[in-house]
Protein backbone atom coordinates (compact mmCIF):
# COMPACT_ATOMS: atom_id res chain seq x y z
CA MET A 1 1.24 -4.59 -28.10
CA ARG A 2 0.32 -6.78 -25.11
CA PRO A 3 3.86 -6.92 -23.65
CA ALA A 4 4.16 -3.14 -23.88
CA SER A 5 0.87 -2.51 -22.09
CA THR A 6 1.76 -5.13 -19.46
CA GLY A 7 5.09 -3.38 -18.87
CA LEU A 8 3.43 0.02 -18.53
CA ILE A 9 0.89 -1.29 -16.03
CA ALA A 10 3.64 -3.03 -14.03
CA ALA A 11 5.77 0.12 -13.98
CA ALA A 12 2.81 2.17 -12.75
CA GLY A 13 2.07 -0.40 -10.05
CA ILE A 14 5.67 -0.43 -8.83
CA THR A 15 5.73 3.36 -8.73
CA VAL A 16 2.54 3.48 -6.66
CA LEU A 17 3.94 0.86 -4.26
CA MET A 18 7.16 2.82 -3.81
CA ILE A 19 5.28 6.05 -3.12
CA ALA A 20 2.87 4.39 -0.69
CA LEU A 21 5.20 2.08 1.23
CA LEU A 22 8.59 3.80 1.17
CA HIS A 23 9.93 7.13 2.47
CA THR A 24 12.80 7.62 0.03
CA ASP A 25 13.18 11.34 0.74
CA LEU A 26 13.50 10.81 4.49
CA TYR A 27 15.96 7.95 3.93
CA LYS A 28 18.13 10.12 1.69
CA GLN A 29 18.36 12.71 4.47
CA THR A 30 18.99 10.42 7.43
CA LYS A 31 20.58 7.30 5.85
CA VAL A 32 18.84 5.22 8.56
CA LEU A 33 17.31 2.03 7.15
CA SER A 34 14.31 2.15 9.50
CA ASP A 35 13.33 5.53 8.01
CA LEU A 36 12.99 3.96 4.56
CA PHE A 37 9.83 1.97 5.29
CA ASN A 38 6.36 3.34 6.02
CA VAL A 39 5.55 0.77 8.69
CA ARG A 40 1.92 1.78 9.20
CA ALA A 41 1.16 1.53 5.48
CA ILE A 42 2.89 -1.85 5.24
CA ILE A 43 0.87 -3.16 8.21
CA LEU A 44 -2.34 -1.90 6.60
CA ALA A 45 -1.44 -3.56 3.29
CA VAL A 46 -0.68 -6.87 5.03
CA LEU A 47 -3.96 -6.73 6.98
CA ILE A 48 -5.95 -6.02 3.83
CA LEU A 49 -4.21 -8.95 2.11
CA ILE A 50 -4.98 -11.29 5.01
CA PHE A 51 -8.62 -10.23 5.28
CA SER A 52 -9.25 -10.31 1.53
CA ARG A 53 -7.55 -13.67 0.87
CA TRP A 54 -7.53 -15.91 3.94
CA VAL A 55 -10.31 -14.89 6.35
CA LYS A 56 -13.45 -16.74 5.27
CA PHE A 57 -15.86 -14.16 6.72
CA THR A 58 -14.45 -11.28 4.64
CA LYS A 59 -13.17 -13.25 1.63
CA GLY A 60 -16.29 -12.63 -0.45
CA TRP A 61 -16.53 -8.90 0.18
CA HIS A 62 -16.41 -6.52 -2.76
CA PRO A 63 -13.04 -4.74 -3.26
CA ILE A 64 -14.73 -1.35 -2.80
CA VAL A 65 -15.41 -2.30 0.83
CA PHE A 66 -11.68 -2.80 1.41
CA ILE A 67 -10.91 0.49 -0.33
CA ALA A 68 -13.42 2.25 1.93
CA ILE A 69 -11.94 0.62 5.04
CA SER A 70 -8.46 1.69 3.93
CA ALA A 71 -9.69 5.25 3.39
CA VAL A 72 -11.19 5.37 6.87
CA CYS A 73 -7.96 3.98 8.38
CA GLY A 74 -5.98 6.58 6.46
CA ALA A 75 -8.15 9.39 7.78
CA VAL A 76 -8.16 8.12 11.36
CA PHE A 77 -4.45 7.32 11.58
CA HIS A 78 -3.30 10.29 9.45
CA PHE A 79 -1.47 8.32 6.77
CA ALA A 80 -1.27 11.32 4.42
CA GLY A 81 1.03 13.31 6.69
CA VAL A 82 3.49 10.47 7.26
């Protein structure tokens, strides 16, 4: 039972990553490799990783703080429409 639930969680995580970080529909239309990646979302993900893992000042913050910061960035930089 554990391997099956692990596989389902991993599949859901990969699906969410593909939806959030890739523009597969745009790439299918243009066939330009630079259109495949959502650069702003990738930069945000890398910044969140850096601040949550390696910056001592923010390392101990609760994950909800990072979720809230990501939500504000998404609203300010209009990530939903990209």
